[in-house]
Amino acid sequence: ELRLQDLSADFQLMASSFIQNNPGLTKLFFCDIEFKESQASFALMGVNSLPHIRLVGPGNANLRDSPAMDMSRGGTAESMAAYVEGQTGLRVGEIERPSPVSKKQLLFVGGVVLVAAPYVVKRLLTQQTPLHDPKLWLSFSIFVYFFSVSGAMYNIIRKMPLFMADRNDPSKLVFFFQGSGMQLGAEGFAVGFLYTVVGLVLAFIT
């Protein structure tokens, strides 16, 4: 998973932070290029894989000799800032990420909490909430068990697809990967479902 859109957003965030923290500084500027529009530029720098971040200095007569960022360190705005500072000696400054929640949203949530607080407290004191229902905890336990045995965490971390197109016949879908060391999401869910059924049967018998 290249996550080019996320990388582009972090690159723009790092660049805007540098400009904001270094007003009037013209020794460094940032740009991004796309392969479809600038194939010649990619060829001049010898870029053959994405994502790719490179610093081109005034002394780089051969663009292929310009230093490229090691993308194995991660593509966050902070790692890009560390690369820029290490190569140029210029300080990028603090990376100011925008808040995921606006002030209006916070005020709305706060108002809802204040209005609902008396009702919620009353239900808690009388033990008439869904949290006091044993069926809820039973369902939650089954979900956690299924989540554990199905490899769902592996699928989330590795961003594995549920299925993939057959390489020999793109019109067909592959749900079970032939080989070891890799499994598709559908395969994990199928195995997890079987494990869950067996676990429920054993729990019912015992």
C-alpha atoms as a PDB file:
ATOM      1  CA  GLU A   1       0.000   0.000   0.000  1.00  0.00           C
ATOM      2  CA  LEU A   2       1.691   3.199  -1.199  1.00  0.00           C
ATOM      3  CA  ARG A   3      -0.627   5.668   0.590  1.00  0.00           C
ATOM      4  CA  LEU A   4       0.414   8.369  -1.852  1.00  0.00           C
ATOM      5  CA  GLN A   5      -2.452  10.677  -0.889  1.00  0.00           C
ATOM      6  CA  ASP A   6      -1.553  10.474   2.804  1.00  0.00           C
ATOM      7  CA  LEU A   7       2.124  11.042   1.996  1.00  0.00           C
ATOM      8  CA  SER A   8       1.250  14.018  -0.184  1.00  0.00           C
ATOM      9  CA  ALA A   9      -0.839  15.526   2.623  1.00  0.00           C
ATOM     10  CA  ASP A  10       2.021  15.091   5.124  1.00  0.00           C
ATOM     11  CA  PHE A  11       4.483  16.546   2.613  1.00  0.00           C
ATOM     12  CA  GLN A  12       2.287  19.628   2.194  1.00  0.00           C
ATOM     13  CA  LEU A  13       1.944  19.894   5.975  1.00  0.00           C
ATOM     14  CA  MET A  14       5.717  19.779   6.425  1.00  0.00           C
ATOM     15  CA  ALA A  15       6.252  22.347   3.658  1.00  0.00           C
ATOM     16  CA  SER A  16       3.624  24.729   5.049  1.00  0.00           C
ATOM     17  CA  SER A  17       5.152  24.395   8.535  1.00  0.00           C
ATOM     18  CA  PHE A  18       8.579  25.313   7.148  1.00  0.00           C
ATOM     19  CA  ILE A  19       7.188  28.356   5.346  1.00  0.00           C
ATOM     20  CA  GLN A  20       5.252  29.458   8.428  1.00  0.00           C
ATOM     21  CA  ASN A  21       8.238  29.047  10.749  1.00  0.00           C
ATOM     22  CA  ASN A  22      10.725  30.601   8.304  1.00  0.00           C
ATOM     23  CA  PRO A  23       9.037  33.634   6.732  1.00  0.00           C
ATOM     24  CA  GLY A  24      11.068  35.307   4.031  1.00  0.00           C
ATOM     25  CA  LEU A  25      13.546  32.428   3.693  1.00  0.00           C
ATOM     26  CA  THR A  26      14.105  31.676  -0.006  1.00  0.00           C
ATOM     27  CA  LYS A  27      16.948  29.155   0.220  1.00  0.00           C
ATOM     28  CA  LEU A  28      14.572  26.206   0.059  1.00  0.00           C
ATOM     29  CA  PHE A  29      11.353  25.555  -1.798  1.00  0.00           C
ATOM     30  CA  PHE A  30       9.121  22.519  -2.125  1.00  0.00           C
ATOM     31  CA  CYS A  31       7.311  20.981  -5.067  1.00  0.00           C
ATOM     32  CA  ASP A  32       5.688  17.712  -6.020  1.00  0.00           C
ATOM     33  CA  ILE A  33       5.605  16.196  -9.484  1.00  0.00           C
ATOM     34  CA  GLU A  34       3.439  13.480 -10.995  1.00  0.00           C
ATOM     35  CA  PHE A  35       4.722  10.798 -13.318  1.00  0.00           C
ATOM     36  CA  LYS A  36       2.028  11.350 -15.947  1.00  0.00           C
ATOM     37  CA  GLU A  37       2.928  15.032 -16.251  1.00  0.00           C
ATOM     38  CA  SER A  38       6.705  14.908 -15.719  1.00  0.00           C
ATOM     39  CA  GLN A  39       8.073  11.606 -16.997  1.00  0.00           C
ATOM     40  CA  ALA A  40      11.250  13.321 -18.203  1.00  0.00           C
ATOM     41  CA  SER A  41      11.986  14.617 -14.688  1.00  0.00           C
ATOM     42  CA  PHE A  42      11.588  11.133 -13.251  1.00  0.00           C
ATOM     43  CA  ALA A  43      14.018   9.799 -15.842  1.00  0.00           C
ATOM     44  CA  LEU A  44      16.605  12.519 -15.125  1.00  0.00           C
ATOM     45  CA  MET A  45      16.626  11.633 -11.433  1.00  0.00           C
ATOM     46  CA  GLY A  46      16.516   7.891 -12.028  1.00  0.00           C
ATOM     47  CA  VAL A  47      13.334   7.416 -10.032  1.00  0.00           C
ATOM     48  CA  ASN A  48      11.886   3.958 -10.586  1.00  0.00           C
ATOM     49  CA  SER A  49       9.700   3.472  -7.513  1.00  0.00           C
ATOM     50  CA  LEU A  50       7.242   5.420  -5.396  1.00  0.00           C
ATOM     51  CA  PRO A  51       6.982   7.107  -2.977  1.00  0.00           C
ATOM     52  CA  HIS A  52      10.146   9.125  -3.550  1.00  0.00           C
ATOM     53  CA  ILE A  53      11.419  12.300  -1.882  1.00  0.00           C
ATOM     54  CA  ARG A  54      14.630  13.938  -3.036  1.00  0.00           C
ATOM     55  CA  LEU A  55      16.579  17.099  -2.257  1.00  0.00           C
ATOM     56  CA  VAL A  56      18.094  18.764  -5.320  1.00  0.00           C
ATOM     57  CA  GLY A  57      20.776  21.266  -4.383  1.00  0.00           C
ATOM     58  CA  PRO A  58      22.535  23.903  -6.506  1.00  0.00           C
ATOM     59  CA  GLY A  59      25.662  21.752  -6.606  1.00  0.00           C
ATOM     60  CA  ASN A  60      23.942  18.678  -8.037  1.00  0.00           C
ATOM     61  CA  ALA A  61      24.954  18.851 -11.690  1.00  0.00           C
ATOM     62  CA  ASN A  62      23.840  15.246 -12.053  1.00  0.00           C
ATOM     63  CA  LEU A  63      20.350  14.940 -10.609  1.00  0.00           C
ATOM     64  CA  ARG A  64      20.871  11.231  -9.996  1.00  0.00           C
ATOM     65  CA  ASP A  65      23.517  12.117  -7.402  1.00  0.00           C
ATOM     66  CA  SER A  66      21.120  14.213  -5.315  1.00  0.00           C
ATOM     67  CA  PRO A  67      20.303  12.614  -1.936  1.00  0.00           C
ATOM     68  CA  ALA A  68      17.004  10.737  -1.657  1.00  0.00           C
ATOM     69  CA  MET A  69      15.085  10.138   1.543  1.00  0.00           C
ATOM     70  CA  ASP A  70      15.042   6.629   2.988  1.00  0.00           C
ATOM     71  CA  MET A  71      11.307   5.908   2.891  1.00  0.00           C
ATOM     72  CA  SER A  72      11.685   2.936   5.225  1.00  0.00           C
ATOM     73  CA  ARG A  73      11.827   5.466   8.080  1.00  0.00           C
ATOM     74  CA  GLY A  74       8.202   6.312   7.453  1.00  0.00           C
ATOM     75  CA  GLY A  75       6.418   8.922   5.406  1.00  0.00           C
ATOM     76  CA  THR A  76       5.178  11.209   8.156  1.00  0.00           C
ATOM     77  CA  ALA A  77       5.626  14.963   8.164  1.00  0.00           C
ATOM     78  CA  GLU A  78       7.969  14.617  11.143  1.00  0.00           C
ATOM     79  CA  SER A  79      10.285  12.161   9.364  1.00  0.00           C
ATOM     80  CA  MET A  80      10.307  14.378   6.269  1.00  0.00           C
ATOM     81  CA  ALA A  81      11.204  17.363   8.447  1.00  0.00           C
ATOM     82  CA  ALA A  82      14.085  15.401   9.998  1.00  0.00           C
ATOM     83  CA  TYR A  83      15.346  14.548   6.506  1.00  0.00           C
ATOM     84  CA  VAL A  84      15.174  18.172   5.352  1.00  0.00           C
ATOM     85  CA  GLU A  85      16.932  19.432   8.479  1.00  0.00           C
ATOM     86  CA  GLY A  86      19.648  16.790   8.174  1.00  0.00           C
ATOM     87  CA  GLN A  87      20.350  17.577   4.530  1.00  0.00           C
ATOM     88  CA  THR A  88      20.076  21.366   4.557  1.00  0.00           C
ATOM     89  CA  GLY A  89      20.910  22.419   8.107  1.00  0.00           C
ATOM     90  CA  LEU A  90      17.763  24.547   8.096  1.00  0.00           C
ATOM     91  CA  ARG A  91      15.188  24.214  10.840  1.00  0.00           C
ATOM     92  CA  VAL A  92      11.719  23.201   9.707  1.00  0.00           C
ATOM     93  CA  GLY A  93      10.149  24.024  13.045  1.00  0.00           C
ATOM     94  CA  GLU A  94       7.182  22.559  14.838  1.00  0.00           C
ATOM     95  CA  ILE A  95       4.754  20.536  12.739  1.00  0.00           C
ATOM     96  CA  GLU A  96       1.302  21.892  13.510  1.00  0.00           C
ATOM     97  CA  ARG A  97      -1.254  19.276  12.570  1.00  0.00           C
ATOM     98  CA  PRO A  98      -4.828  20.530  12.184  1.00  0.00           C
ATOM     99  CA  SER A  99      -7.233  19.426  14.885  1.00  0.00           C
ATOM    100  CA  PRO A 100      -9.562  16.609  13.751  1.00  0.00           C
ATOM    101  CA  VAL A 101     -12.412  18.242  15.681  1.00  0.00           C
ATOM    102  CA  SER A 102     -13.539  21.833  15.171  1.00  0.00           C
ATOM    103  CA  LYS A 103     -14.629  24.184  17.963  1.00  0.00           C
ATOM    104  CA  LYS A 104     -18.258  24.011  16.816  1.00  0.00           C
ATOM    105  CA  GLN A 105     -18.186  20.234  17.003  1.00  0.00           C
ATOM    106  CA  LEU A 106     -16.705  20.374  20.509  1.00  0.00           C
ATOM    107  CA  LEU A 107     -19.412  22.806  21.637  1.00  0.00           C
ATOM    108  CA  PHE A 108     -22.117  20.596  20.147  1.00  0.00           C
ATOM    109  CA  VAL A 109     -20.762  17.466  21.848  1.00  0.00           C
ATOM    110  CA  GLY A 110     -20.418  19.339  25.140  1.00  0.00           C
ATOM    111  CA  GLY A 111     -24.032  20.501  24.922  1.00  0.00           C
ATOM    112  CA  VAL A 112     -25.279  16.982  24.211  1.00  0.00           C
ATOM    113  CA  VAL A 113     -23.299  15.637  27.191  1.00  0.00           C
ATOM    114  CA  LEU A 114     -24.743  18.282  29.533  1.00  0.00           C
ATOM    115  CA  VAL A 115     -28.301  17.606  28.391  1.00  0.00           C
ATOM    116  CA  ALA A 116     -27.973  13.820  28.580  1.00  0.00           C
ATOM    117  CA  ALA A 117     -25.971  13.683  31.828  1.00  0.00           C
ATOM    118  CA  PRO A 118     -28.969  13.666  34.258  1.00  0.00           C
ATOM    119  CA  TYR A 119     -30.727  10.904  32.312  1.00  0.00           C
ATOM    120  CA  VAL A 120     -27.566   8.788  32.069  1.00  0.00           C
ATOM    121  CA  VAL A 121     -26.765   9.169  35.779  1.00  0.00           C
ATOM    122  CA  LYS A 122     -30.304   8.130  36.711  1.00  0.00           C
ATOM    123  CA  ARG A 123     -30.106   5.018  34.523  1.00  0.00           C
ATOM    124  CA  LEU A 124     -26.730   4.105  36.005  1.00  0.00           C
ATOM    125  CA  LEU A 125     -27.983   4.409  39.571  1.00  0.00           C
ATOM    126  CA  THR A 126     -31.001   2.212  38.836  1.00  0.00           C
ATOM    127  CA  GLN A 127     -28.862  -0.270  36.832  1.00  0.00           C
ATOM    128  CA  GLN A 128     -31.091   0.076  33.775  1.00  0.00           C
ATOM    129  CA  THR A 129     -28.418   0.539  31.125  1.00  0.00           C
ATOM    130  CA  PRO A 130     -27.288  -1.815  28.343  1.00  0.00           C
ATOM    131  CA  LEU A 131     -24.026  -2.238  30.270  1.00  0.00           C
ATOM    132  CA  HIS A 132     -25.955  -4.202  32.899  1.00  0.00           C
ATOM    133  CA  ASP A 133     -27.344  -6.644  30.311  1.00  0.00           C
ATOM    134  CA  PRO A 134     -25.475 -10.009  30.342  1.00  0.00           C
ATOM    135  CA  LYS A 135     -26.402 -10.592  26.690  1.00  0.00           C
ATOM    136  CA  LEU A 136     -24.372  -7.544  25.678  1.00  0.00           C
ATOM    137  CA  TRP A 137     -21.249  -8.866  27.399  1.00  0.00           C
ATOM    138  CA  LEU A 138     -21.817 -12.313  25.904  1.00  0.00           C
ATOM    139  CA  SER A 139     -22.018 -10.823  22.408  1.00  0.00           C
ATOM    140  CA  PHE A 140     -18.949  -8.692  23.069  1.00  0.00           C
ATOM    141  CA  SER A 141     -16.990 -11.747  24.250  1.00  0.00           C
ATOM    142  CA  ILE A 142     -17.913 -13.678  21.101  1.00  0.00           C
ATOM    143  CA  PHE A 143     -16.857 -10.734  18.951  1.00  0.00           C
ATOM    144  CA  VAL A 144     -13.484 -10.442  20.716  1.00  0.00           C
ATOM    145  CA  TYR A 145     -12.928 -14.189  20.290  1.00  0.00           C
ATOM    146  CA  PHE A 146     -13.787 -14.021  16.579  1.00  0.00           C
ATOM    147  CA  PHE A 147     -11.609 -10.930  16.145  1.00  0.00           C
ATOM    148  CA  SER A 148      -8.691 -12.782  17.746  1.00  0.00           C
ATOM    149  CA  VAL A 149      -8.869 -16.079  15.847  1.00  0.00           C
ATOM    150  CA  SER A 150      -9.734 -14.598  12.436  1.00  0.00           C
ATOM    151  CA  GLY A 151      -6.508 -12.624  12.098  1.00  0.00           C
ATOM    152  CA  ALA A 152      -8.450  -9.361  11.835  1.00  0.00           C
ATOM    153  CA  MET A 153      -5.653  -7.416  13.524  1.00  0.00           C
ATOM    154  CA  TYR A 154      -3.187  -8.796  10.966  1.00  0.00           C
ATOM    155  CA  ASN A 155      -5.505  -7.680   8.157  1.00  0.00           C
ATOM    156  CA  ILE A 156      -5.790  -4.190   9.647  1.00  0.00           C
ATOM    157  CA  ILE A 157      -2.053  -3.743  10.228  1.00  0.00           C
ATOM    158  CA  ARG A 158      -1.041  -5.186   6.858  1.00  0.00           C
ATOM    159  CA  LYS A 159      -4.079  -3.656   5.112  1.00  0.00           C
ATOM    160  CA  MET A 160      -4.828  -6.987   3.482  1.00  0.00           C
ATOM    161  CA  PRO A 161      -7.734  -7.026   1.005  1.00  0.00           C
ATOM    162  CA  LEU A 162     -10.639  -9.426   1.454  1.00  0.00           C
ATOM    163  CA  PHE A 163      -9.944 -10.858  -1.993  1.00  0.00           C
ATOM    164  CA  MET A 164      -7.873 -10.181  -5.088  1.00  0.00           C
ATOM    165  CA  ALA A 165      -8.163 -10.651  -8.834  1.00  0.00           C
ATOM    166  CA  ASP A 166      -6.726 -13.811 -10.357  1.00  0.00           C
ATOM    167  CA  ARG A 167      -3.481 -13.007 -12.185  1.00  0.00           C
ATOM    168  CA  ASN A 168      -4.252 -15.526 -14.917  1.00  0.00           C
ATOM    169  CA  ASP A 169      -7.877 -14.482 -15.296  1.00  0.00           C
ATOM    170  CA  PRO A 170      -8.672 -10.964 -13.980  1.00  0.00           C
ATOM    171  CA  SER A 171     -12.412 -11.675 -14.269  1.00  0.00           C
ATOM    172  CA  LYS A 172     -12.129 -14.219 -11.439  1.00  0.00           C
ATOM    173  CA  LEU A 173     -11.658 -13.437  -7.764  1.00  0.00           C
ATOM    174  CA  VAL A 174      -9.271 -15.243  -5.417  1.00  0.00           C
ATOM    175  CA  PHE A 175     -10.412 -15.628  -1.809  1.00  0.00           C
ATOM    176  CA  PHE A 176      -7.810 -18.170  -0.657  1.00  0.00           C
ATOM    177  CA  PHE A 177      -4.153 -17.450  -1.409  1.00  0.00           C
ATOM    178  CA  GLN A 178      -2.197 -20.491  -2.569  1.00  0.00           C
ATOM    179  CA  GLY A 179       1.010 -20.494  -0.543  1.00  0.00           C
ATOM    180  CA  SER A 180       2.366 -19.886   2.925  1.00  0.00           C
ATOM    181  CA  GLY A 181       3.154 -16.684   4.761  1.00  0.00           C
ATOM    182  CA  MET A 182       0.155 -14.760   3.461  1.00  0.00           C
ATOM    183  CA  GLN A 183      -3.605 -14.897   3.787  1.00  0.00           C
ATOM    184  CA  LEU A 184      -6.404 -12.764   2.426  1.00  0.00           C
ATOM    185  CA  GLY A 185      -9.045 -11.220   4.630  1.00  0.00           C
ATOM    186  CA  ALA A 186     -11.821 -13.546   3.471  1.00  0.00           C
ATOM    187  CA  GLU A 187      -9.716 -16.590   4.352  1.00  0.00           C
ATOM    188  CA  GLY A 188      -9.094 -15.307   7.860  1.00  0.00           C
ATOM    189  CA  PHE A 189     -12.774 -14.540   8.411  1.00  0.00           C
ATOM    190  CA  ALA A 190     -13.776 -18.002   7.154  1.00  0.00           C
ATOM    191  CA  VAL A 191     -11.335 -19.720   9.514  1.00  0.00           C
ATOM    192  CA  GLY A 192     -12.345 -17.403  12.351  1.00  0.00           C
ATOM    193  CA  PHE A 193     -16.015 -18.248  11.780  1.00  0.00           C
ATOM    194  CA  LEU A 194     -15.271 -21.980  12.003  1.00  0.00           C
ATOM    195  CA  TYR A 195     -13.236 -21.491  15.183  1.00  0.00           C
ATOM    196  CA  THR A 196     -16.056 -19.429  16.684  1.00  0.00           C
ATOM    197  CA  VAL A 197     -18.671 -22.078  15.868  1.00  0.00           C
ATOM    198  CA  VAL A 198     -16.517 -24.813  17.414  1.00  0.00           C
ATOM    199  CA  GLY A 199     -15.881 -22.669  20.487  1.00  0.00           C
ATOM    200  CA  LEU A 200     -19.608 -21.989  20.962  1.00  0.00           C
ATOM    201  CA  VAL A 201     -20.434 -25.689  20.592  1.00  0.00           C
ATOM    202  CA  LEU A 202     -17.828 -26.634  23.208  1.00  0.00           C
ATOM    203  CA  ALA A 203     -19.089 -23.910  25.539  1.00  0.00           C
ATOM    204  CA  PHE A 204     -22.674 -25.140  25.125  1.00  0.00           C
ATOM    205  CA  ILE A 205     -21.715 -28.782  25.776  1.00  0.00           C
ATOM    206  CA  THR A 206     -19.630 -28.050  28.847  1.00  0.00           C
END
